[in-house]
Amino acid sequence: MVLQDAVFDNMTHAQWDLTVRSKVLTSLNLDKALPQSLDFFVLLLSLAGIHGSIAQSNCAAGYSAQDALARHRVARGQKGIALDLGRMRNIGIIAEVAAYQVQRRNAADMAQIDADELMALLDLYCFAHDPGSTALLHSRDGATEDIVADGTTMFRLADTAEARADVVIRVLAARLARASGIAADDIDQGKQLSDYGVDSLMAVELRNWIAKDFGANIAVFDITSGASIDMISHLVVRNSDIGLTTLS
């Protein structure tokens, strides 16, 4: 970690460039140098990249670029995730540097987590597909994976518009559950996609998936406009070009 703390108005270009390049170039080099078919690709970032810090705008810019790289990898069909961590209680730079401990002593802008919680997050992301992983038991089951994999087939076999909408709801819920690390049964079809963390970048990914699996071209705006999961699913059915003549 390269820190060059300074209020933005007083920050030199060298301070900005050194910190940003240390994060961005390192991440890009790993992206290019490592094999394309990795089981996981994890970038450990900070919440400072989301809510900012008065003396660390250079850090925030670097973290934001790393977030974008993780999204870009996912859009390419590769593994990639950025974990924006809060203050680490017992490991990391704050735990190791007394000056930062004094600086952060009275700050209440982010929750503290410890090493065990970080390891649990890594286990959830990196090993959830491993049959021996405890993350598998808590984040998803075989039925959820089957629903996602068989969604296109189930959609084609459904013989009414309502049955097809139900398929889309189930598959979409399974995908959201998989991305969020929660059970598919906990996904409420009456809620908006944004309630489950879908932003504009994820909306592009969902639009592409919907076009590929269900033959429906819908706009990103339709996904981000506040429509519920149920409404999106019926929109997919209306716009699908798969077997339209078989629907009653």
Protein backbone atom coordinates (compact mmCIF):
# COMPACT_ATOMS: atom_id res chain seq x y z
CA MET A 1 0.00 0.00 0.00
CA VAL A 2 1.35 3.40 -1.01
CA LEU A 3 -0.17 6.28 0.95
CA GLN A 4 0.44 9.91 0.04
CA ASP A 5 -2.09 11.67 2.26
CA ALA A 6 -2.94 15.29 1.53
CA VAL A 7 -6.03 17.43 1.14
CA PHE A 8 -6.93 17.43 -2.56
CA ASP A 9 -6.28 21.17 -3.01
CA ASN A 10 -2.76 20.71 -1.66
CA MET A 11 -1.98 17.35 -3.27
CA THR A 12 0.80 17.35 -5.85
CA HIS A 13 0.52 15.46 -9.11
CA ALA A 14 3.34 13.19 -7.94
CA GLN A 15 1.41 12.27 -4.78
CA TRP A 16 -1.72 11.56 -6.81
CA ASP A 17 0.09 9.60 -9.49
CA LEU A 18 2.18 7.43 -7.16
CA THR A 19 -0.81 6.22 -5.14
CA VAL A 20 -3.16 5.71 -8.08
CA ARG A 21 -0.57 3.94 -10.22
CA SER A 22 0.44 1.63 -7.36
CA LYS A 23 -3.12 0.32 -7.22
CA VAL A 24 -4.22 0.45 -10.84
CA LEU A 25 -1.08 -0.81 -12.57
CA THR A 26 -0.58 -3.62 -10.07
CA SER A 27 -4.14 -4.82 -10.61
CA LEU A 28 -3.92 -4.50 -14.40
CA ASN A 29 -0.64 -6.41 -14.43
CA LEU A 30 -2.24 -9.26 -12.48
CA ASP A 31 -5.23 -9.22 -14.82
CA LYS A 32 -2.95 -9.56 -17.85
CA ALA A 33 -0.33 -11.93 -16.41
CA LEU A 34 -2.52 -14.51 -14.69
CA PRO A 35 -4.33 -17.31 -16.57
CA GLN A 36 -7.70 -16.40 -18.05
CA SER A 37 -9.62 -19.25 -16.38
CA LEU A 38 -8.95 -18.55 -12.70
CA ASP A 39 -11.14 -20.03 -9.98
CA PHE A 40 -11.16 -16.64 -8.26
CA PHE A 41 -9.68 -13.15 -8.63
CA VAL A 42 -10.00 -11.02 -5.50
CA LEU A 43 -9.07 -7.36 -5.05
CA LEU A 44 -8.96 -6.20 -1.43
CA LEU A 45 -9.96 -2.54 -1.30
CA SER A 46 -11.33 -0.12 1.27
CA LEU A 47 -14.62 1.60 1.99
CA ALA A 48 -12.63 4.78 1.47
CA GLY A 49 -13.17 4.17 -2.22
CA ILE A 50 -16.92 4.46 -1.70
CA HIS A 51 -17.46 7.18 0.90
CA GLY A 52 -14.11 8.94 0.42
CA SER A 53 -11.64 10.40 2.88
CA ILE A 54 -10.69 14.06 3.09
CA ALA A 55 -6.96 13.42 2.73
CA GLN A 56 -7.06 10.32 0.53
CA SER A 57 -8.75 11.25 -2.75
CA ASN A 58 -5.89 9.53 -4.56
CA CYS A 59 -6.63 6.29 -2.69
CA ALA A 60 -10.34 6.60 -3.45
CA ALA A 61 -9.61 7.05 -7.16
CA GLY A 62 -7.40 3.97 -7.19
CA TYR A 63 -9.98 1.88 -5.37
CA SER A 64 -12.70 3.00 -7.79
CA ALA A 65 -10.55 1.92 -10.73
CA GLN A 66 -10.02 -1.49 -9.11
CA ASP A 67 -13.77 -1.81 -8.59
CA ALA A 68 -14.24 -1.12 -12.30
CA LEU A 69 -11.63 -3.75 -13.20
CA ALA A 70 -13.52 -6.39 -11.21
CA ARG A 71 -16.72 -5.46 -13.05
CA HIS A 72 -14.89 -5.57 -16.36
CA ARG A 73 -13.62 -9.09 -15.65
CA VAL A 74 -17.14 -10.28 -14.84
CA ALA A 75 -18.43 -8.71 -18.05
CA ARG A 76 -15.77 -10.71 -19.92
CA GLY A 77 -17.04 -13.90 -18.32
CA GLN A 78 -14.13 -14.19 -15.89
CA LYS A 79 -13.98 -14.38 -12.13
CA GLY A 80 -13.53 -11.06 -10.39
CA ILE A 81 -14.63 -9.33 -7.21
CA ALA A 82 -13.57 -6.25 -5.25
CA LEU A 83 -14.07 -6.42 -1.49
CA ASP A 84 -14.35 -2.89 -0.08
CA LEU A 85 -13.41 -3.53 3.53
CA GLY A 86 -14.00 -1.39 6.57
CA ARG A 87 -11.42 -0.89 9.28
CA MET A 88 -9.58 -4.11 10.10
CA ARG A 89 -9.44 -4.58 13.86
CA ASN A 90 -6.43 -6.87 14.22
CA ILE A 91 -4.54 -6.93 10.90
CA GLY A 92 -3.59 -4.37 8.28
CA ILE A 93 -2.07 -0.93 8.27
CA ILE A 94 -4.21 0.60 11.04
CA ALA A 95 -3.52 -2.30 13.39
CA GLU A 96 0.20 -2.07 12.60
CA VAL A 97 0.80 1.71 12.62
CA ALA A 98 0.27 3.58 15.88
CA ALA A 99 -0.22 6.94 14.16
CA TYR A 100 -3.20 5.62 12.21
CA GLN A 101 -4.67 4.10 15.38
CA VAL A 102 -4.61 7.52 17.03
CA GLN A 103 -6.10 9.14 13.92
CA ARG A 104 -8.95 6.61 13.73
CA ARG A 105 -9.60 6.30 17.48
CA ASN A 106 -12.70 8.49 17.56
CA ALA A 107 -13.85 7.93 13.99
CA ALA A 108 -17.18 6.16 13.57
CA ASP A 109 -17.48 6.23 9.79
CA MET A 110 -17.07 2.50 9.20
CA ALA A 111 -17.62 -0.74 11.08
CA GLN A 112 -14.61 -2.71 12.21
CA ILE A 113 -14.10 -6.31 11.15
CA ASP A 114 -11.50 -8.83 12.23
CA ALA A 115 -9.39 -11.37 10.38
CA ASP A 116 -11.86 -14.22 10.92
CA GLU A 117 -14.64 -12.25 9.24
CA LEU A 118 -12.37 -11.44 6.29
CA MET A 119 -11.45 -15.11 5.95
CA ALA A 120 -15.16 -15.99 5.96
CA LEU A 121 -15.77 -13.54 3.10
CA LEU A 122 -12.92 -15.04 1.11
CA ASP A 123 -14.19 -18.54 1.80
CA LEU A 124 -17.65 -17.55 0.59
CA TYR A 125 -16.36 -16.15 -2.69
CA CYS A 126 -13.40 -18.40 -3.46
CA PHE A 127 -14.63 -21.81 -2.38
CA ALA A 128 -18.43 -21.72 -2.57
CA HIS A 129 -18.36 -24.23 -5.45
CA ASP A 130 -16.17 -26.65 -3.47
CA PRO A 131 -18.38 -29.48 -2.10
CA GLY A 132 -16.33 -29.44 1.10
CA SER A 133 -16.70 -25.73 1.70
CA THR A 134 -18.84 -24.44 4.55
CA ALA A 135 -19.69 -21.46 2.33
CA LEU A 136 -21.59 -23.82 0.06
CA LEU A 137 -23.93 -24.74 2.89
CA HIS A 138 -24.77 -21.16 3.74
CA SER A 139 -24.83 -19.37 0.39
CA ARG A 140 -26.48 -21.69 -2.14
CA ASP A 141 -27.51 -25.23 -2.91
CA GLY A 142 -27.55 -27.54 -5.90
CA ALA A 143 -31.14 -26.68 -6.71
CA THR A 144 -30.24 -23.01 -7.14
CA GLU A 145 -27.40 -23.88 -9.50
CA ASP A 146 -29.67 -26.19 -11.50
CA ILE A 147 -32.32 -23.50 -11.90
CA VAL A 148 -29.78 -21.06 -13.33
CA ALA A 149 -28.27 -23.67 -15.66
CA ASP A 150 -31.64 -25.02 -16.88
CA GLY A 151 -33.45 -21.70 -17.14
CA THR A 152 -33.49 -21.56 -20.94
CA THR A 153 -34.82 -25.10 -21.23
CA MET A 154 -37.56 -24.50 -18.67
CA PHE A 155 -38.49 -21.26 -20.43
CA ARG A 156 -38.84 -23.03 -23.79
CA LEU A 157 -40.94 -25.83 -22.31
CA ALA A 158 -43.37 -23.51 -20.50
CA ASP A 159 -46.56 -23.30 -22.57
CA THR A 160 -48.16 -20.13 -21.20
CA ALA A 161 -46.97 -16.58 -20.69
CA GLU A 162 -47.54 -16.83 -16.95
CA ALA A 163 -45.56 -20.06 -16.71
CA ARG A 164 -42.70 -18.43 -18.57
CA ALA A 165 -42.80 -15.41 -16.29
CA ASP A 166 -42.58 -17.75 -13.31
CA VAL A 167 -39.47 -19.36 -14.82
CA VAL A 168 -37.82 -15.97 -15.31
CA ILE A 169 -38.68 -14.98 -11.73
CA ARG A 170 -37.15 -18.18 -10.35
CA VAL A 171 -33.98 -17.96 -12.45
CA LEU A 172 -33.53 -14.25 -11.80
CA ALA A 173 -34.01 -14.82 -8.07
CA ALA A 174 -31.41 -17.59 -8.18
CA ARG A 175 -28.90 -15.31 -9.92
CA LEU A 176 -29.50 -12.49 -7.45
CA ALA A 177 -29.18 -14.91 -4.54
CA ARG A 178 -25.93 -16.27 -5.92
CA ALA A 179 -24.49 -12.77 -6.33
CA SER A 180 -25.65 -11.66 -2.87
CA GLY A 181 -24.75 -14.80 -0.94
CA ILE A 182 -28.31 -15.31 0.34
CA ALA A 183 -30.95 -17.98 -0.19
CA ALA A 184 -33.14 -17.73 -3.28
CA ASP A 185 -36.20 -18.01 -1.04
CA ASP A 186 -35.20 -14.70 0.55
CA ILE A 187 -35.56 -12.85 -2.76
CA ASP A 188 -38.86 -10.92 -2.84
CA GLN A 189 -40.22 -10.70 -6.39
CA GLY A 190 -42.10 -7.56 -5.45
CA LYS A 191 -38.90 -5.66 -4.73
CA GLN A 192 -36.77 -3.69 -7.15
CA LEU A 193 -33.55 -5.15 -8.53
CA SER A 194 -31.65 -2.28 -6.92
CA ASP A 195 -32.75 -3.61 -3.53
CA TYR A 196 -30.41 -6.53 -4.20
CA GLY A 197 -27.44 -4.45 -5.29
CA VAL A 198 -28.10 -4.21 -9.03
CA ASP A 199 -26.44 -1.04 -10.33
CA SER A 200 -26.04 0.23 -13.90
CA LEU A 201 -23.09 -2.06 -14.63
CA MET A 202 -24.89 -5.12 -13.32
CA ALA A 203 -27.95 -4.06 -15.31
CA VAL A 204 -25.90 -4.29 -18.51
CA GLU A 205 -24.82 -7.81 -17.54
CA LEU A 206 -28.43 -8.80 -16.81
CA ARG A 207 -29.65 -7.34 -20.09
CA ASN A 208 -27.06 -9.38 -22.01
CA TRP A 209 -27.93 -12.54 -20.08
CA ILE A 210 -31.67 -12.03 -20.70
CA ALA A 211 -31.07 -11.59 -24.44
CA LYS A 212 -28.92 -14.72 -24.57
CA ASP A 213 -31.04 -17.07 -22.43
CA PHE A 214 -34.56 -15.82 -23.11
CA GLY A 215 -34.29 -14.14 -26.51
CA ALA A 216 -35.65 -10.87 -25.15
CA ASN A 217 -34.18 -7.47 -25.90
CA ILE A 218 -34.93 -5.05 -23.09
CA ALA A 219 -33.33 -1.73 -22.28
CA VAL A 220 -30.97 -1.16 -19.37
CA PHE A 221 -33.36 1.60 -18.32
CA ASP A 222 -36.12 -0.99 -17.88
CA ILE A 223 -33.91 -2.78 -15.35
CA THR A 224 -32.79 0.34 -13.47
CA SER A 225 -36.07 2.28 -13.58
CA GLY A 226 -37.43 0.84 -10.34
CA ALA A 227 -39.49 -1.99 -11.81
CA SER A 228 -39.97 -5.01 -9.57
CA ILE A 229 -38.54 -8.44 -10.31
CA ASP A 230 -42.06 -9.58 -11.19
CA MET A 231 -42.55 -6.70 -13.64
CA ILE A 232 -39.17 -7.31 -15.29
CA SER A 233 -39.99 -11.00 -15.69
CA HIS A 234 -43.27 -10.28 -17.46
CA LEU A 235 -41.49 -7.73 -19.67
CA VAL A 236 -38.99 -10.43 -20.65
CA VAL A 237 -41.83 -12.76 -21.65
CA ARG A 238 -43.54 -10.08 -23.75
CA ASN A 239 -40.32 -9.27 -25.59
CA SER A 240 -39.04 -12.81 -26.07
CA ASP A 241 -38.75 -14.16 -29.62
CA ILE A 242 -38.61 -17.79 -28.46
CA GLY A 243 -41.67 -19.77 -29.53
CA LEU A 244 -44.10 -16.89 -29.51
CA THR A 245 -46.70 -18.85 -31.46
CA THR A 246 -46.97 -21.49 -28.73
CA LEU A 247 -48.14 -19.06 -26.10
CA SER A 248 -51.83 -18.82 -25.30
